[in-house]
Amino acid sequence: MFHTASAYLSFVALDPNKVPIQVAPLVLVTEDEKRRNRDALKRREARLGLRGR
């Protein structure tokens, strides 16, 4: 078997009217969680930079 793809998914919490709502912030405990969060922030910055934000 070969690794062929990776994906990052985002989920949005919705109220009963299907309007996005805020949720509690992430609690990053392990070093792996902290690393993954840093990596995600770097990907977000790069993506937004491509869009001119």
PDB file of N, CA and C in Angstrom:
ATOM      1  N   MET A   1       0.834  -1.181   0.000  1.00  0.00           N
ATOM      2  CA  MET A   1       0.000   0.000   0.000  1.00  0.00           C
ATOM      3  C   MET A   1       0.876   1.240   0.000  1.00  0.00           C
ATOM      4  N   PHE A   2       0.381   2.274  -0.647  1.00  0.00           N
ATOM      5  CA  PHE A   2       1.069   3.551  -0.715  1.00  0.00           C
ATOM      6  C   PHE A   2       0.150   4.653  -0.218  1.00  0.00           C
ATOM      7  N   HIS A   3       0.721   5.614   0.477  1.00  0.00           N
ATOM      8  CA  HIS A   3      -0.046   6.798   0.887  1.00  0.00           C
ATOM      9  C   HIS A   3      -0.235   7.657  -0.353  1.00  0.00           C
ATOM     10  N   THR A   4      -1.472   7.944  -0.705  1.00  0.00           N
ATOM     11  CA  THR A   4      -1.733   8.697  -1.936  1.00  0.00           C
ATOM     12  C   THR A   4      -2.334  10.072  -1.709  1.00  0.00           C
ATOM     13  N   ALA A   5      -2.882  10.332  -0.522  1.00  0.00           N
ATOM     14  CA  ALA A   5      -3.511  11.639  -0.316  1.00  0.00           C
ATOM     15  C   ALA A   5      -3.661  11.939   1.166  1.00  0.00           C
ATOM     16  N   SER A   6      -3.706  13.219   1.477  1.00  0.00           N
ATOM     17  CA  SER A   6      -4.028  13.703   2.814  1.00  0.00           C
ATOM     18  C   SER A   6      -5.074  14.796   2.650  1.00  0.00           C
ATOM     19  N   ALA A   7      -5.906  14.950   3.656  1.00  0.00           N
ATOM     20  CA  ALA A   7      -6.940  15.982   3.586  1.00  0.00           C
ATOM     21  C   ALA A   7      -7.103  16.631   4.953  1.00  0.00           C
ATOM     22  N   TYR A   8      -7.449  17.894   4.942  1.00  0.00           N
ATOM     23  CA  TYR A   8      -7.739  18.635   6.155  1.00  0.00           C
ATOM     24  C   TYR A   8      -9.170  19.134   6.029  1.00  0.00           C
ATOM     25  N   LEU A   9      -9.989  18.820   7.021  1.00  0.00           N
ATOM     26  CA  LEU A   9     -11.394  19.170   6.977  1.00  0.00           C
ATOM     27  C   LEU A   9     -11.712  20.226   8.015  1.00  0.00           C
ATOM     28  N   SER A  10     -12.670  21.080   7.694  1.00  0.00           N
ATOM     29  CA  SER A  10     -13.180  22.070   8.637  1.00  0.00           C
ATOM     30  C   SER A  10     -14.657  21.813   8.853  1.00  0.00           C
ATOM     31  N   PHE A  11     -15.082  21.939  10.080  1.00  0.00           N
ATOM     32  CA  PHE A  11     -16.481  21.752  10.412  1.00  0.00           C
ATOM     33  C   PHE A  11     -17.006  23.054  11.003  1.00  0.00           C
ATOM     34  N   VAL A  12     -18.256  23.360  10.748  1.00  0.00           N
ATOM     35  CA  VAL A  12     -18.892  24.574  11.253  1.00  0.00           C
ATOM     36  C   VAL A  12     -20.071  24.170  12.121  1.00  0.00           C
ATOM     37  N   ALA A  13     -20.102  24.686  13.361  1.00  0.00           N
ATOM     38  CA  ALA A  13     -21.227  24.418  14.252  1.00  0.00           C
ATOM     39  C   ALA A  13     -22.388  25.314  13.838  1.00  0.00           C
ATOM     40  N   LEU A  14     -23.577  24.720  13.776  1.00  0.00           N
ATOM     41  CA  LEU A  14     -24.768  25.458  13.359  1.00  0.00           C
ATOM     42  C   LEU A  14     -25.823  25.420  14.457  1.00  0.00           C
ATOM     43  N   ASP A  15     -26.576  26.520  14.579  1.00  0.00           N
ATOM     44  CA  ASP A  15     -27.701  26.531  15.515  1.00  0.00           C
ATOM     45  C   ASP A  15     -28.904  25.865  14.835  1.00  0.00           C
ATOM     46  N   PRO A  16     -30.033  25.764  15.514  1.00  0.00           N
ATOM     47  CA  PRO A  16     -31.202  25.107  14.905  1.00  0.00           C
ATOM     48  C   PRO A  16     -31.676  25.752  13.596  1.00  0.00           C
ATOM     49  N   ASN A  17     -31.324  27.037  13.396  1.00  0.00           N
ATOM     50  CA  ASN A  17     -31.694  27.729  12.157  1.00  0.00           C
ATOM     51  C   ASN A  17     -30.614  27.630  11.095  1.00  0.00           C
ATOM     52  N   LYS A  18     -29.633  26.778  11.367  1.00  0.00           N
ATOM     53  CA  LYS A  18     -28.515  26.548  10.445  1.00  0.00           C
ATOM     54  C   LYS A  18     -27.643  27.787  10.226  1.00  0.00           C
ATOM     55  N   VAL A  19     -27.529  28.591  11.284  1.00  0.00           N
ATOM     56  CA  VAL A  19     -26.657  29.766  11.284  1.00  0.00           C
ATOM     57  C   VAL A  19     -25.394  29.397  12.064  1.00  0.00           C
ATOM     58  N   PRO A  20     -24.213  29.719  11.528  1.00  0.00           N
ATOM     59  CA  PRO A  20     -22.977  29.381  12.254  1.00  0.00           C
ATOM     60  C   PRO A  20     -22.941  30.004  13.647  1.00  0.00           C
ATOM     61  N   ILE A  21     -22.459  29.228  14.611  1.00  0.00           N
ATOM     62  CA  ILE A  21     -22.334  29.709  15.990  1.00  0.00           C
ATOM     63  C   ILE A  21     -20.915  29.470  16.489  1.00  0.00           C
ATOM     64  N   GLN A  22     -20.540  30.198  17.537  1.00  0.00           N
ATOM     65  CA  GLN A  22     -19.221  30.017  18.131  1.00  0.00           C
ATOM     66  C   GLN A  22     -19.212  28.789  19.028  1.00  0.00           C
ATOM     67  N   VAL A  23     -18.062  28.170  19.106  1.00  0.00           N
ATOM     68  CA  VAL A  23     -17.866  27.035  20.003  1.00  0.00           C
ATOM     69  C   VAL A  23     -16.681  27.342  20.902  1.00  0.00           C
ATOM     70  N   ALA A  24     -16.519  26.548  21.935  1.00  0.00           N
ATOM     71  CA  ALA A  24     -15.395  26.731  22.853  1.00  0.00           C
ATOM     72  C   ALA A  24     -14.078  26.578  22.090  1.00  0.00           C
ATOM     73  N   PRO A  25     -13.047  27.334  22.479  1.00  0.00           N
ATOM     74  CA  PRO A  25     -11.754  27.210  21.802  1.00  0.00           C
ATOM     75  C   PRO A  25     -11.126  25.839  22.033  1.00  0.00           C
ATOM     76  N   LEU A  26     -10.217  25.487  21.156  1.00  0.00           N
ATOM     77  CA  LEU A  26      -9.499  24.225  21.294  1.00  0.00           C
ATOM     78  C   LEU A  26      -8.647  24.234  22.557  1.00  0.00           C
ATOM     79  N   VAL A  27      -8.546  23.093  23.178  1.00  0.00           N
ATOM     80  CA  VAL A  27      -7.623  22.907  24.300  1.00  0.00           C
ATOM     81  C   VAL A  27      -6.541  21.972  23.795  1.00  0.00           C
ATOM     82  N   LEU A  28      -5.383  22.538  23.523  1.00  0.00           N
ATOM     83  CA  LEU A  28      -4.259  21.771  22.987  1.00  0.00           C
ATOM     84  C   LEU A  28      -3.421  21.266  24.153  1.00  0.00           C
ATOM     85  N   VAL A  29      -3.345  19.961  24.296  1.00  0.00           N
ATOM     86  CA  VAL A  29      -2.677  19.370  25.450  1.00  0.00           C
ATOM     87  C   VAL A  29      -1.335  18.760  25.068  1.00  0.00           C
ATOM     88  N   THR A  30      -1.342  17.880  24.104  1.00  0.00           N
ATOM     89  CA  THR A  30      -0.109  17.158  23.764  1.00  0.00           C
ATOM     90  C   THR A  30       0.754  17.980  22.811  1.00  0.00           C
ATOM     91  N   GLU A  31       2.017  17.628  22.747  1.00  0.00           N
ATOM     92  CA  GLU A  31       2.927  18.303  21.823  1.00  0.00           C
ATOM     93  C   GLU A  31       2.487  18.078  20.373  1.00  0.00           C
ATOM     94  N   ASP A  32       1.944  16.910  20.085  1.00  0.00           N
ATOM     95  CA  ASP A  32       1.467  16.622  18.737  1.00  0.00           C
ATOM     96  C   ASP A  32       0.304  17.544  18.368  1.00  0.00           C
ATOM     97  N   GLU A  33      -0.629  17.743  19.294  1.00  0.00           N
ATOM     98  CA  GLU A  33      -1.752  18.662  19.046  1.00  0.00           C
ATOM     99  C   GLU A  33      -1.239  20.084  18.815  1.00  0.00           C
ATOM    100  N   LYS A  34      -0.281  20.504  19.609  1.00  0.00           N
ATOM    101  CA  LYS A  34       0.274  21.854  19.467  1.00  0.00           C
ATOM    102  C   LYS A  34       0.984  22.012  18.127  1.00  0.00           C
ATOM    103  N   ARG A  35       1.740  20.994  17.725  1.00  0.00           N
ATOM    104  CA  ARG A  35       2.435  21.037  16.430  1.00  0.00           C
ATOM    105  C   ARG A  35       1.437  21.099  15.285  1.00  0.00           C
ATOM    106  N   ARG A  36       0.419  20.261  15.357  1.00  0.00           N
ATOM    107  CA  ARG A  36      -0.594  20.242  14.295  1.00  0.00           C
ATOM    108  C   ARG A  36      -1.297  21.593  14.198  1.00  0.00           C
ATOM    109  N   ASN A  37      -1.561  22.221  15.335  1.00  0.00           N
ATOM    110  CA  ASN A  37      -2.210  23.523  15.324  1.00  0.00           C
ATOM    111  C   ASN A  37      -1.297  24.578  14.708  1.00  0.00           C
ATOM    112  N   ARG A  38      -0.020  24.563  15.049  1.00  0.00           N
ATOM    113  CA  ARG A  38       0.940  25.507  14.434  1.00  0.00           C
ATOM    114  C   ARG A  38       0.990  25.307  12.930  1.00  0.00           C
ATOM    115  N   ASP A  39       1.049  24.044  12.505  1.00  0.00           N
ATOM    116  CA  ASP A  39       1.078  23.745  11.069  1.00  0.00           C
ATOM    117  C   ASP A  39      -0.184  24.255  10.381  1.00  0.00           C
ATOM    118  N   ALA A  40      -1.334  24.088  11.028  1.00  0.00           N
ATOM    119  CA  ALA A  40      -2.600  24.548  10.451  1.00  0.00           C
ATOM    120  C   ALA A  40      -2.602  26.064  10.303  1.00  0.00           C
ATOM    121  N   LEU A  41      -2.084  26.764  11.304  1.00  0.00           N
ATOM    122  CA  LEU A  41      -2.034  28.228  11.225  1.00  0.00           C
ATOM    123  C   LEU A  41      -1.124  28.683  10.084  1.00  0.00           C
ATOM    124  N   LYS A  42      -0.030  27.976   9.869  1.00  0.00           N
ATOM    125  CA  LYS A  42       0.867  28.307   8.751  1.00  0.00           C
ATOM    126  C   LYS A  42       0.169  28.080   7.413  1.00  0.00           C
ATOM    127  N   ARG A  43      -0.568  26.968   7.296  1.00  0.00           N
ATOM    128  CA  ARG A  43      -1.311  26.705   6.056  1.00  0.00           C
ATOM    129  C   ARG A  43      -2.365  27.776   5.823  1.00  0.00           C
ATOM    130  N   ARG A  44      -3.037  28.199   6.896  1.00  0.00           N
ATOM    131  CA  ARG A  44      -4.072  29.238   6.770  1.00  0.00           C
ATOM    132  C   ARG A  44      -3.454  30.549   6.299  1.00  0.00           C
ATOM    133  N   GLU A  45      -2.341  30.941   6.917  1.00  0.00           N
ATOM    134  CA  GLU A  45      -1.663  32.178   6.495  1.00  0.00           C
ATOM    135  C   GLU A  45      -1.260  32.118   5.045  1.00  0.00           C
ATOM    136  N   ALA A  46      -0.731  30.989   4.604  1.00  0.00           N
ATOM    137  CA  ALA A  46      -0.315  30.833   3.212  1.00  0.00           C
ATOM    138  C   ALA A  46      -1.525  30.912   2.294  1.00  0.00           C
ATOM    139  N   ARG A  47      -2.613  30.267   2.677  1.00  0.00           N
ATOM    140  CA  ARG A  47      -3.815  30.271   1.843  1.00  0.00           C
ATOM    141  C   ARG A  47      -4.398  31.678   1.732  1.00  0.00           C
ATOM    142  N   LEU A  48      -4.471  32.399   2.849  1.00  0.00           N
ATOM    143  CA  LEU A  48      -5.013  33.747   2.827  1.00  0.00           C
ATOM    144  C   LEU A  48      -4.081  34.697   2.079  1.00  0.00           C
ATOM    145  N   GLY A  49      -2.775  34.448   2.162  1.00  0.00           N
ATOM    146  CA  GLY A  49      -1.825  35.267   1.419  1.00  0.00           C
ATOM    147  C   GLY A  49      -2.005  35.124  -0.076  1.00  0.00           C
ATOM    148  N   LEU A  50      -2.355  33.931  -0.521  1.00  0.00           N
ATOM    149  CA  LEU A  50      -2.606  33.710  -1.948  1.00  0.00           C
ATOM    150  C   LEU A  50      -3.839  34.458  -2.419  1.00  0.00           C
ATOM    151  N   ARG A  51      -4.769  34.697  -1.494  1.00  0.00           N
ATOM    152  CA  ARG A  51      -5.998  35.399  -1.825  1.00  0.00           C
ATOM    153  C   ARG A  51      -5.859  36.912  -1.678  1.00  0.00           C
ATOM    154  N   GLY A  52      -4.693  37.363  -1.246  1.00  0.00           N
ATOM    155  CA  GLY A  52      -4.443  38.798  -1.110  1.00  0.00           C
ATOM    156  C   GLY A  52      -4.971  39.414   0.163  1.00  0.00           C
ATOM    157  N   ARG A  53      -5.178  38.603   1.191  1.00  0.00           N
ATOM    158  CA  ARG A  53      -5.678  39.146   2.467  1.00  0.00           C
ATOM    159  C   ARG A  53      -4.557  39.538   3.370  1.00  0.00           C
TER     160      ARG A  53
END
